[in-house]
mmCIF file of all heavy atoms, coordinates in Angstrom:
data_MODEL
# 
_entry.id   MODEL 
# 
loop_
_atom_site.group_PDB 
_atom_site.id 
_atom_site.type_symbol 
_atom_site.label_atom_id 
_atom_site.label_alt_id 
_atom_site.label_comp_id 
_atom_site.label_asym_id 
_atom_site.label_entity_id 
_atom_site.label_seq_id 
_atom_site.pdbx_PDB_ins_code 
_atom_site.Cartn_x 
_atom_site.Cartn_y 
_atom_site.Cartn_z 
_atom_site.occupancy 
_atom_site.B_iso_or_equiv 
_atom_site.pdbx_formal_charge 
_atom_site.auth_seq_id 
_atom_site.auth_comp_id 
_atom_site.auth_asym_id 
_atom_site.auth_atom_id 
_atom_site.pdbx_PDB_model_num 
ATOM 1   N N   . GLU A 1 1  ? 90.298  97.342  165.541 1.00 0.00 ? 1  GLU A N   1 
ATOM 2   C CA  . GLU A 1 1  ? 90.605  96.102  166.253 1.00 0.00 ? 1  GLU A CA  1 
ATOM 3   C C   . GLU A 1 1  ? 90.596  94.887  165.335 1.00 0.00 ? 1  GLU A C   1 
ATOM 4   O O   . GLU A 1 1  ? 91.417  93.985  165.484 1.00 0.00 ? 1  GLU A O   1 
ATOM 5   C CB  . GLU A 1 1  ? 89.602  95.889  167.391 1.00 0.00 ? 1  GLU A CB  1 
ATOM 6   C CG  . GLU A 1 1  ? 89.760  96.911  168.508 1.00 0.00 ? 1  GLU A CG  1 
ATOM 7   C CD  . GLU A 1 1  ? 88.656  96.817  169.546 1.00 0.00 ? 1  GLU A CD  1 
ATOM 8   O OE1 . GLU A 1 1  ? 88.647  95.829  170.311 1.00 0.00 ? 1  GLU A OE1 1 
ATOM 9   O OE2 . GLU A 1 1  ? 87.819  97.732  169.592 1.00 0.00 ? 1  GLU A OE2 1 
ATOM 10  N N   . ASP A 1 2  ? 89.684  94.855  164.365 1.00 0.00 ? 2  ASP A N   1 
ATOM 11  C CA  . ASP A 1 2  ? 89.590  93.713  163.455 1.00 0.00 ? 2  ASP A CA  1 
ATOM 12  C C   . ASP A 1 2  ? 90.530  93.840  162.255 1.00 0.00 ? 2  ASP A C   1 
ATOM 13  O O   . ASP A 1 2  ? 90.627  92.940  161.431 1.00 0.00 ? 2  ASP A O   1 
ATOM 14  C CB  . ASP A 1 2  ? 88.151  93.489  162.983 1.00 0.00 ? 2  ASP A CB  1 
ATOM 15  C CG  . ASP A 1 2  ? 87.589  94.646  162.161 1.00 0.00 ? 2  ASP A CG  1 
ATOM 16  O OD1 . ASP A 1 2  ? 88.329  95.592  161.812 1.00 0.00 ? 2  ASP A OD1 1 
ATOM 17  O OD2 . ASP A 1 2  ? 86.375  94.600  161.876 1.00 0.00 ? 2  ASP A OD2 1 
ATOM 18  N N   . GLY A 1 3  ? 91.227  94.966  162.132 1.00 0.00 ? 3  GLY A N   1 
ATOM 19  C CA  . GLY A 1 3  ? 92.195  95.167  161.056 1.00 0.00 ? 3  GLY A CA  1 
ATOM 20  C C   . GLY A 1 3  ? 91.593  95.453  159.700 1.00 0.00 ? 3  GLY A C   1 
ATOM 21  O O   . GLY A 1 3  ? 92.305  95.482  158.705 1.00 0.00 ? 3  GLY A O   1 
ATOM 22  N N   . LYS A 1 4  ? 90.281  95.704  159.626 1.00 0.00 ? 4  LYS A N   1 
ATOM 23  C CA  . LYS A 1 4  ? 89.619  95.914  158.334 1.00 0.00 ? 4  LYS A CA  1 
ATOM 24  C C   . LYS A 1 4  ? 89.512  97.383  157.943 1.00 0.00 ? 4  LYS A C   1 
ATOM 25  O O   . LYS A 1 4  ? 89.199  97.694  156.806 1.00 0.00 ? 4  LYS A O   1 
ATOM 26  C CB  . LYS A 1 4  ? 88.229  95.285  158.354 1.00 0.00 ? 4  LYS A CB  1 
ATOM 27  C CG  . LYS A 1 4  ? 88.278  93.779  158.461 1.00 0.00 ? 4  LYS A CG  1 
ATOM 28  C CD  . LYS A 1 4  ? 86.905  93.179  158.448 1.00 0.00 ? 4  LYS A CD  1 
ATOM 29  C CE  . LYS A 1 4  ? 87.007  91.655  158.562 1.00 0.00 ? 4  LYS A CE  1 
ATOM 30  N NZ  . LYS A 1 4  ? 85.689  91.036  158.593 1.00 0.00 ? 4  LYS A NZ  1 
ATOM 31  N N   . GLU A 1 5  ? 89.782  98.275  158.903 1.00 0.00 ? 5  GLU A N   1 
ATOM 32  C CA  . GLU A 1 5  ? 89.719  99.715  158.622 1.00 0.00 ? 5  GLU A CA  1 
ATOM 33  C C   . GLU A 1 5  ? 90.981  100.388 159.135 1.00 0.00 ? 5  GLU A C   1 
ATOM 34  O O   . GLU A 1 5  ? 91.645  99.876  160.036 1.00 0.00 ? 5  GLU A O   1 
ATOM 35  C CB  . GLU A 1 5  ? 88.503  100.347 159.299 1.00 0.00 ? 5  GLU A CB  1 
ATOM 36  C CG  . GLU A 1 5  ? 87.166  99.884  158.775 1.00 0.00 ? 5  GLU A CG  1 
ATOM 37  C CD  . GLU A 1 5  ? 86.037  100.543 159.533 1.00 0.00 ? 5  GLU A CD  1 
ATOM 38  O OE1 . GLU A 1 5  ? 85.873  100.229 160.733 1.00 0.00 ? 5  GLU A OE1 1 
ATOM 39  O OE2 . GLU A 1 5  ? 85.342  101.389 158.934 1.00 0.00 ? 5  GLU A OE2 1 
ATOM 40  N N   . ILE A 1 6  ? 91.257  101.547 158.552 1.00 0.00 ? 6  ILE A N   1 
ATOM 41  C CA  . ILE A 1 6  ? 92.401  102.350 158.980 1.00 0.00 ? 6  ILE A CA  1 
ATOM 42  C C   . ILE A 1 6  ? 91.938  103.790 159.160 1.00 0.00 ? 6  ILE A C   1 
ATOM 43  O O   . ILE A 1 6  ? 91.186  104.325 158.342 1.00 0.00 ? 6  ILE A O   1 
ATOM 44  C CB  . ILE A 1 6  ? 93.562  102.252 157.963 1.00 0.00 ? 6  ILE A CB  1 
ATOM 45  C CG1 . ILE A 1 6  ? 94.769  103.088 158.415 1.00 0.00 ? 6  ILE A CG1 1 
ATOM 46  C CG2 . ILE A 1 6  ? 93.122  102.633 156.572 1.00 0.00 ? 6  ILE A CG2 1 
ATOM 47  C CD1 . ILE A 1 6  ? 96.004  102.914 157.556 1.00 0.00 ? 6  ILE A CD1 1 
ATOM 48  N N   . ALA A 1 7  ? 92.389  104.400 160.248 1.00 0.00 ? 7  ALA A N   1 
ATOM 49  C CA  . ALA A 1 7  ? 92.094  105.812 160.493 1.00 0.00 ? 7  ALA A CA  1 
ATOM 50  C C   . ALA A 1 7  ? 93.184  106.645 159.836 1.00 0.00 ? 7  ALA A C   1 
ATOM 51  O O   . ALA A 1 7  ? 94.374  106.430 160.070 1.00 0.00 ? 7  ALA A O   1 
ATOM 52  C CB  . ALA A 1 7  ? 92.033  106.098 161.989 1.00 0.00 ? 7  ALA A CB  1 
ATOM 53  N N   . LEU A 1 8  ? 92.767  107.581 158.995 1.00 0.00 ? 8  LEU A N   1 
ATOM 54  C CA  . LEU A 1 8  ? 93.686  108.547 158.397 1.00 0.00 ? 8  LEU A CA  1 
ATOM 55  C C   . LEU A 1 8  ? 93.303  109.928 158.888 1.00 0.00 ? 8  LEU A C   1 
ATOM 56  O O   . LEU A 1 8  ? 92.143  110.170 159.233 1.00 0.00 ? 8  LEU A O   1 
ATOM 57  C CB  . LEU A 1 8  ? 93.608  108.498 156.865 1.00 0.00 ? 8  LEU A CB  1 
ATOM 58  C CG  . LEU A 1 8  ? 93.979  107.177 156.201 1.00 0.00 ? 8  LEU A CG  1 
ATOM 59  C CD1 . LEU A 1 8  ? 93.801  107.276 154.692 1.00 0.00 ? 8  LEU A CD1 1 
ATOM 60  C CD2 . LEU A 1 8  ? 95.405  106.773 156.538 1.00 0.00 ? 8  LEU A CD2 1 
ATOM 61  N N   . ILE A 1 9  ? 94.272  110.812 158.913 1.00 0.00 ? 9  ILE A N   1 
ATOM 62  C CA  . ILE A 1 9  ? 94.013  112.176 159.383 1.00 0.00 ? 9  ILE A CA  1 
ATOM 63  C C   . ILE A 1 9  ? 94.349  113.183 158.292 1.00 0.00 ? 9  ILE A C   1 
ATOM 64  O O   . ILE A 1 9  ? 95.154  112.922 157.401 1.00 0.00 ? 9  ILE A O   1 
ATOM 65  C CB  . ILE A 1 9  ? 94.823  112.507 160.662 1.00 0.00 ? 9  ILE A CB  1 
ATOM 66  C CG1 . ILE A 1 9  ? 96.338  112.458 160.398 1.00 0.00 ? 9  ILE A CG1 1 
ATOM 67  C CG2 . ILE A 1 9  ? 94.422  111.585 161.807 1.00 0.00 ? 9  ILE A CG2 1 
ATOM 68  C CD1 . ILE A 1 9  ? 97.192  112.987 161.527 1.00 0.00 ? 9  ILE A CD1 1 
ATOM 69  N N   . ARG A 1 10 ? 93.706  114.319 158.411 1.00 0.00 ? 10 ARG A N   1 
ATOM 70  C CA  . ARG A 1 10 ? 94.049  115.488 157.602 1.00 0.00 ? 10 ARG A CA  1 
ATOM 71  C C   . ARG A 1 10 ? 94.550  116.519 158.608 1.00 0.00 ? 10 ARG A C   1 
ATOM 72  O O   . ARG A 1 10 ? 93.842  116.870 159.548 1.00 0.00 ? 10 ARG A O   1 
ATOM 73  C CB  . ARG A 1 10 ? 92.819  115.995 156.856 1.00 0.00 ? 10 ARG A CB  1 
ATOM 74  C CG  . ARG A 1 10 ? 93.136  116.958 155.749 1.00 0.00 ? 10 ARG A CG  1 
ATOM 75  C CD  . ARG A 1 10 ? 91.895  117.545 155.076 1.00 0.00 ? 10 ARG A CD  1 
ATOM 76  N NE  . ARG A 1 10 ? 90.859  116.609 154.722 1.00 0.00 ? 10 ARG A NE  1 
ATOM 77  C CZ  . ARG A 1 10 ? 90.689  116.067 153.517 1.00 0.00 ? 10 ARG A CZ  1 
ATOM 78  N NH1 . ARG A 1 10 ? 91.539  116.354 152.556 1.00 0.00 ? 10 ARG A NH1 1 
ATOM 79  N NH2 . ARG A 1 10 ? 89.685  115.256 153.272 1.00 0.00 ? 10 ARG A NH2 1 
ATOM 80  N N   . GLN A 1 11 ? 95.781  116.952 158.416 1.00 0.00 ? 11 GLN A N   1 
ATOM 81  C CA  . GLN A 1 11 ? 96.383  117.879 159.369 1.00 0.00 ? 11 GLN A CA  1 
ATOM 82  C C   . GLN A 1 11 ? 95.820  119.290 159.197 1.00 0.00 ? 11 GLN A C   1 
ATOM 83  O O   . GLN A 1 11 ? 95.360  119.652 158.117 1.00 0.00 ? 11 GLN A O   1 
ATOM 84  C CB  . GLN A 1 11 ? 97.902  117.884 159.209 1.00 0.00 ? 11 GLN A CB  1 
ATOM 85  C CG  . GLN A 1 11 ? 98.494  116.536 159.558 1.00 0.00 ? 11 GLN A CG  1 
ATOM 86  C CD  . GLN A 1 11 ? 99.946  116.403 159.165 1.00 0.00 ? 11 GLN A CD  1 
ATOM 87  O OE1 . GLN A 1 11 ? 100.339 116.812 158.083 1.00 0.00 ? 11 GLN A OE1 1 
ATOM 88  N NE2 . GLN A 1 11 ? 100.732 115.806 160.041 1.00 0.00 ? 11 GLN A NE2 1 
ATOM 89  N N   . SER A 1 12 ? 95.875  120.070 160.271 1.00 0.00 ? 12 SER A N   1 
ATOM 90  C CA  . SER A 1 12 ? 95.367  121.440 160.221 1.00 0.00 ? 12 SER A CA  1 
ATOM 91  C C   . SER A 1 12 ? 96.342  122.369 159.503 1.00 0.00 ? 12 SER A C   1 
ATOM 92  O O   . SER A 1 12 ? 96.018  123.512 159.233 1.00 0.00 ? 12 SER A O   1 
ATOM 93  C CB  . SER A 1 12 ? 95.089  121.952 161.640 1.00 0.00 ? 12 SER A CB  1 
ATOM 94  O OG  . SER A 1 12 ? 96.261  121.861 162.430 1.00 0.00 ? 12 SER A OG  1 
ATOM 95  N N   . TYR A 1 13 ? 97.510  121.880 159.192 1.00 0.00 ? 13 TYR A N   1 
ATOM 96  C CA  . TYR A 1 13 ? 98.509  122.602 158.405 1.00 0.00 ? 13 TYR A CA  1 
ATOM 97  C C   . TYR A 1 13 ? 98.918  121.681 157.263 1.00 0.00 ? 13 TYR A C   1 
ATOM 98  O O   . TYR A 1 13 ? 98.601  120.508 157.264 1.00 0.00 ? 13 TYR A O   1 
ATOM 99  C CB  . TYR A 1 13 ? 99.725  122.950 159.272 1.00 0.00 ? 13 TYR A CB  1 
ATOM 100 C CG  . TYR A 1 13 ? 100.341 121.747 159.932 1.00 0.00 ? 13 TYR A CG  1 
ATOM 101 C CD1 . TYR A 1 13 ? 101.319 120.999 159.293 1.00 0.00 ? 13 TYR A CD1 1 
ATOM 102 C CD2 . TYR A 1 13 ? 99.923  121.319 161.198 1.00 0.00 ? 13 TYR A CD2 1 
ATOM 103 C CE1 . TYR A 1 13 ? 101.871 119.879 159.884 1.00 0.00 ? 13 TYR A CE1 1 
ATOM 104 C CE2 . TYR A 1 13 ? 100.468 120.197 161.796 1.00 0.00 ? 13 TYR A CE2 1 
ATOM 105 C CZ  . TYR A 1 13 ? 101.435 119.492 161.136 1.00 0.00 ? 13 TYR A CZ  1 
ATOM 106 O OH  . TYR A 1 13 ? 101.985 118.374 161.719 1.00 0.00 ? 13 TYR A OH  1 
ATOM 107 N N   . GLY A 1 14 ? 99.601  122.164 156.302 1.00 0.00 ? 14 GLY A N   1 
ATOM 108 C CA  . GLY A 1 14 ? 100.078 121.299 155.223 1.00 0.00 ? 14 GLY A CA  1 
ATOM 109 C C   . GLY A 1 14 ? 99.210  121.376 153.983 1.00 0.00 ? 14 GLY A C   1 
ATOM 110 O O   . GLY A 1 14 ? 98.516  122.367 153.752 1.00 0.00 ? 14 GLY A O   1 
ATOM 111 N N   . HIS A 1 15 ? 99.219  120.292 153.222 1.00 0.00 ? 15 HIS A N   1 
ATOM 112 C CA  . HIS A 1 15 ? 98.613  120.286 151.891 1.00 0.00 ? 15 HIS A CA  1 
ATOM 113 C C   . HIS A 1 15 ? 97.167  119.827 151.860 1.00 0.00 ? 15 HIS A C   1 
ATOM 114 O O   . HIS A 1 15 ? 96.543  119.839 150.822 1.00 0.00 ? 15 HIS A O   1 
ATOM 115 C CB  . HIS A 1 15 ? 99.444  119.400 150.951 1.00 0.00 ? 15 HIS A CB  1 
ATOM 116 C CG  . HIS A 1 15 ? 100.838 119.898 150.800 1.00 0.00 ? 15 HIS A CG  1 
ATOM 117 N ND1 . HIS A 1 15 ? 101.891 119.361 151.497 1.00 0.00 ? 15 HIS A ND1 1 
ATOM 118 C CD2 . HIS A 1 15 ? 101.348 120.905 150.050 1.00 0.00 ? 15 HIS A CD2 1 
ATOM 119 C CE1 . HIS A 1 15 ? 103.003 120.006 151.171 1.00 0.00 ? 15 HIS A CE1 1 
ATOM 120 N NE2 . HIS A 1 15 ? 102.710 120.944 150.299 1.00 0.00 ? 15 HIS A NE2 1 
ATOM 121 N N   . GLY A 1 16 ? 96.623  119.365 152.976 1.00 0.00 ? 16 GLY A N   1 
ATOM 122 C CA  . GLY A 1 16 ? 95.227  118.943 152.999 1.00 0.00 ? 16 GLY A CA  1 
ATOM 123 C C   . GLY A 1 16 ? 94.990  117.508 152.588 1.00 0.00 ? 16 GLY A C   1 
ATOM 124 O O   . GLY A 1 16 ? 93.855  117.067 152.519 1.00 0.00 ? 16 GLY A O   1 
ATOM 125 N N   . ASN A 1 17 ? 96.053  116.745 152.311 1.00 0.00 ? 17 ASN A N   1 
ATOM 126 C CA  . ASN A 1 17 ? 95.906  115.327 151.969 1.00 0.00 ? 17 ASN A CA  1 
ATOM 127 C C   . ASN A 1 17 ? 95.688  114.516 153.243 1.00 0.00 ? 17 ASN A C   1 
ATOM 128 O O   . ASN A 1 17 ? 96.141  114.899 154.324 1.00 0.00 ? 17 ASN A O   1 
ATOM 129 C CB  . ASN A 1 17 ? 97.170  114.793 151.291 1.00 0.00 ? 17 ASN A CB  1 
ATOM 130 C CG  . ASN A 1 17 ? 97.473  115.495 149.990 1.00 0.00 ? 17 ASN A CG  1 
ATOM 131 O OD1 . ASN A 1 17 ? 96.573  115.900 149.274 1.00 0.00 ? 17 ASN A OD1 1 
ATOM 132 N ND2 . ASN A 1 17 ? 98.747  115.642 149.685 1.00 0.00 ? 17 ASN A ND2 1 
ATOM 133 N N   . PHE A 1 18 ? 95.032  113.367 153.108 1.00 0.00 ? 18 PHE A N   1 
ATOM 134 C CA  . PHE A 1 18 ? 94.957  112.444 154.232 1.00 0.00 ? 18 PHE A CA  1 
ATOM 135 C C   . PHE A 1 18 ? 96.309  111.767 154.386 1.00 0.00 ? 18 PHE A C   1 
ATOM 136 O O   . PHE A 1 18 ? 96.971  111.429 153.399 1.00 0.00 ? 18 PHE A O   1 
ATOM 137 C CB  . PHE A 1 18 ? 93.855  111.397 154.010 1.00 0.00 ? 18 PHE A CB  1 
ATOM 138 C CG  . PHE A 1 18 ? 92.498  111.872 154.419 1.00 0.00 ? 18 PHE A CG  1 
ATOM 139 C CD1 . PHE A 1 18 ? 91.599  112.323 153.480 1.00 0.00 ? 18 PHE A CD1 1 
ATOM 140 C CD2 . PHE A 1 18 ? 92.123  111.876 155.756 1.00 0.00 ? 18 PHE A CD2 1 
ATOM 141 C CE1 . PHE A 1 18 ? 90.342  112.769 153.849 1.00 0.00 ? 18 PHE A CE1 1 
ATOM 142 C CE2 . PHE A 1 18 ? 90.866  112.311 156.143 1.00 0.00 ? 18 PHE A CE2 1 
ATOM 143 C CZ  . PHE A 1 18 ? 89.970  112.758 155.187 1.00 0.00 ? 18 PHE A CZ  1 
ATOM 144 N N   . VAL A 1 19 ? 96.721  111.575 155.632 1.00 0.00 ? 19 VAL A N   1 
ATOM 145 C CA  . VAL A 1 19 ? 98.024  110.978 155.955 1.00 0.00 ? 19 VAL A CA  1 
ATOM 146 C C   . VAL A 1 19 ? 97.847  110.063 157.169 1.00 0.00 ? 19 VAL A C   1 
ATOM 147 O O   . VAL A 1 19 ? 96.787  110.020 157.788 1.00 0.00 ? 19 VAL A O   1 
ATOM 148 C CB  . VAL A 1 19 ? 99.086  112.063 156.268 1.00 0.00 ? 19 VAL A CB  1 
ATOM 149 C CG1 . VAL A 1 19 ? 99.368  112.932 155.053 1.00 0.00 ? 19 VAL A CG1 1 
ATOM 150 C CG2 . VAL A 1 19 ? 98.682  112.922 157.455 1.00 0.00 ? 19 VAL A CG2 1 
ATOM 151 N N   . ASN A 1 20 ? 98.914  109.374 157.517 1.00 0.00 ? 20 ASN A N   1 
ATOM 152 C CA  . ASN A 1 20 ? 98.942  108.557 158.733 1.00 0.00 ? 20 ASN A CA  1 
ATOM 153 C C   . ASN A 1 20 ? 99.341  109.432 159.911 1.00 0.00 ? 20 ASN A C   1 
ATOM 154 O O   . ASN A 1 20 ? 100.011 110.459 159.748 1.00 0.00 ? 20 ASN A O   1 
ATOM 155 C CB  . ASN A 1 20 ? 99.968  107.430 158.605 1.00 0.00 ? 20 ASN A CB  1 
ATOM 156 C CG  . ASN A 1 20 ? 99.563  106.380 157.615 1.00 0.00 ? 20 ASN A CG  1 
ATOM 157 O OD1 . ASN A 1 20 ? 98.450  106.372 157.110 1.00 0.00 ? 20 ASN A OD1 1 
ATOM 158 N ND2 . ASN A 1 20 ? 100.470 105.471 157.328 1.00 0.00 ? 20 ASN A ND2 1 
ATOM 159 N N   . VAL A 1 21 ? 98.981  108.990 161.100 1.00 0.00 ? 21 VAL A N   1 
ATOM 160 C CA  . VAL A 1 21 ? 99.501  109.621 162.314 1.00 0.00 ? 21 VAL A CA  1 
ATOM 161 C C   . VAL A 1 21 ? 101.009 109.400 162.320 1.00 0.00 ? 21 VAL A C   1 
ATOM 162 O O   . VAL A 1 21 ? 101.488 108.298 162.027 1.00 0.00 ? 21 VAL A O   1 
ATOM 163 C CB  . VAL A 1 21 ? 98.851  109.015 163.580 1.00 0.00 ? 21 VAL A CB  1 
ATOM 164 C CG1 . VAL A 1 21 ? 99.570  109.475 164.839 1.00 0.00 ? 21 VAL A CG1 1 
ATOM 165 C CG2 . VAL A 1 21 ? 97.367  109.371 163.645 1.00 0.00 ? 21 VAL A CG2 1 
ATOM 166 N N   . ALA A 1 22 ? 101.758 110.438 162.641 1.00 0.00 ? 22 ALA A N   1 
ATOM 167 C CA  . ALA A 1 22 ? 103.219 110.343 162.690 1.00 0.00 ? 22 ALA A CA  1 
ATOM 168 C C   . ALA A 1 22 ? 103.734 111.353 163.706 1.00 0.00 ? 22 ALA A C   1 
ATOM 169 O O   . ALA A 1 22 ? 103.018 112.299 164.060 1.00 0.00 ? 22 ALA A O   1 
ATOM 170 C CB  . ALA A 1 22 ? 103.825 110.620 161.318 1.00 0.00 ? 22 ALA A CB  1 
ATOM 171 N N   . GLY A 1 23 ? 104.949 111.158 164.161 1.00 0.00 ? 23 GLY A N   1 
ATOM 172 C CA  . GLY A 1 23 ? 105.530 112.112 165.096 1.00 0.00 ? 23 GLY A CA  1 
ATOM 173 C C   . GLY A 1 23 ? 106.970 111.790 165.411 1.00 0.00 ? 23 GLY A C   1 
ATOM 174 O O   . GLY A 1 23 ? 107.439 110.663 165.195 1.00 0.00 ? 23 GLY A O   1 
ATOM 175 N N   . TYR A 1 24 ? 107.664 112.780 165.932 1.00 0.00 ? 24 TYR A N   1 
ATOM 176 C CA  . TYR A 1 24 ? 109.082 112.657 166.261 1.00 0.00 ? 24 TYR A CA  1 
ATOM 177 C C   . TYR A 1 24 ? 109.288 111.925 167.575 1.00 0.00 ? 24 TYR A C   1 
ATOM 178 O O   . TYR A 1 24 ? 108.516 112.101 168.522 1.00 0.00 ? 24 TYR A O   1 
ATOM 179 C CB  . TYR A 1 24 ? 109.738 114.042 166.354 1.00 0.00 ? 24 TYR A CB  1 
ATOM 180 C CG  . TYR A 1 24 ? 109.868 114.696 165.011 1.00 0.00 ? 24 TYR A CG  1 
ATOM 181 C CD1 . TYR A 1 24 ? 108.912 115.595 164.559 1.00 0.00 ? 24 TYR A CD1 1 
ATOM 182 C CD2 . TYR A 1 24 ? 110.934 114.391 164.179 1.00 0.00 ? 24 TYR A CD2 1 
ATOM 183 C CE1 . TYR A 1 24 ? 109.018 116.184 163.310 1.00 0.00 ? 24 TYR A CE1 1 
ATOM 184 C CE2 . TYR A 1 24 ? 111.056 114.971 162.922 1.00 0.00 ? 24 TYR A CE2 1 
ATOM 185 C CZ  . TYR A 1 24 ? 110.093 115.865 162.500 1.00 0.00 ? 24 TYR A CZ  1 
ATOM 186 O OH  . TYR A 1 24 ? 110.195 116.430 161.258 1.00 0.00 ? 24 TYR A OH  1 
ATOM 187 N N   . ILE A 1 25 ? 110.343 111.134 167.616 1.00 0.00 ? 25 ILE A N   1 
ATOM 188 C CA  . ILE A 1 25 ? 110.735 110.458 168.851 1.00 0.00 ? 25 ILE A CA  1 
ATOM 189 C C   . ILE A 1 25 ? 111.485 111.471 169.704 1.00 0.00 ? 25 ILE A C   1 
ATOM 190 O O   . ILE A 1 25 ? 112.464 112.071 169.251 1.00 0.00 ? 25 ILE A O   1 
ATOM 191 C CB  . ILE A 1 25 ? 111.607 109.221 168.556 1.00 0.00 ? 25 ILE A CB  1 
ATOM 192 C CG1 . ILE A 1 25 ? 110.803 108.209 167.724 1.00 0.00 ? 25 ILE A CG1 1 
ATOM 193 C CG2 . ILE A 1 25 ? 112.107 108.596 169.853 1.00 0.00 ? 25 ILE A CG2 1 
ATOM 194 C CD1 . ILE A 1 25 ? 111.600 106.994 167.291 1.00 0.00 ? 25 ILE A CD1 1 
ATOM 195 N N   . LYS A 1 26 ? 111.015 111.659 170.927 1.00 0.00 ? 26 LYS A N   1 
ATOM 196 C CA  . LYS A 1 26 ? 111.671 112.582 171.849 1.00 0.00 ? 26 LYS A CA  1 
ATOM 197 C C   . LYS A 1 26 ? 112.878 111.889 172.485 1.00 0.00 ? 26 LYS A C   1 
ATOM 198 O O   . LYS A 1 26 ? 112.898 110.662 172.598 1.00 0.00 ? 26 LYS A O   1 
ATOM 199 C CB  . LYS A 1 26 ? 110.691 113.027 172.938 1.00 0.00 ? 26 LYS A CB  1 
ATOM 200 C CG  . LYS A 1 26 ? 109.561 113.878 172.404 1.00 0.00 ? 26 LYS A CG  1 
ATOM 201 C CD  . LYS A 1 26 ? 108.627 114.301 173.513 1.00 0.00 ? 26 LYS A CD  1 
ATOM 202 C CE  . LYS A 1 26 ? 107.506 115.173 172.961 1.00 0.00 ? 26 LYS A CE  1 
ATOM 203 N NZ  . LYS A 1 26 ? 106.565 115.566 174.005 1.00 0.00 ? 26 LYS A NZ  1 
# 
């Protein structure tokens, strides 16, 4: 909410790097 932190995810598939939330537009 204060813009000082960002949540990154590590996907259960893929290369194991932290990434941003992303997804396809339906």
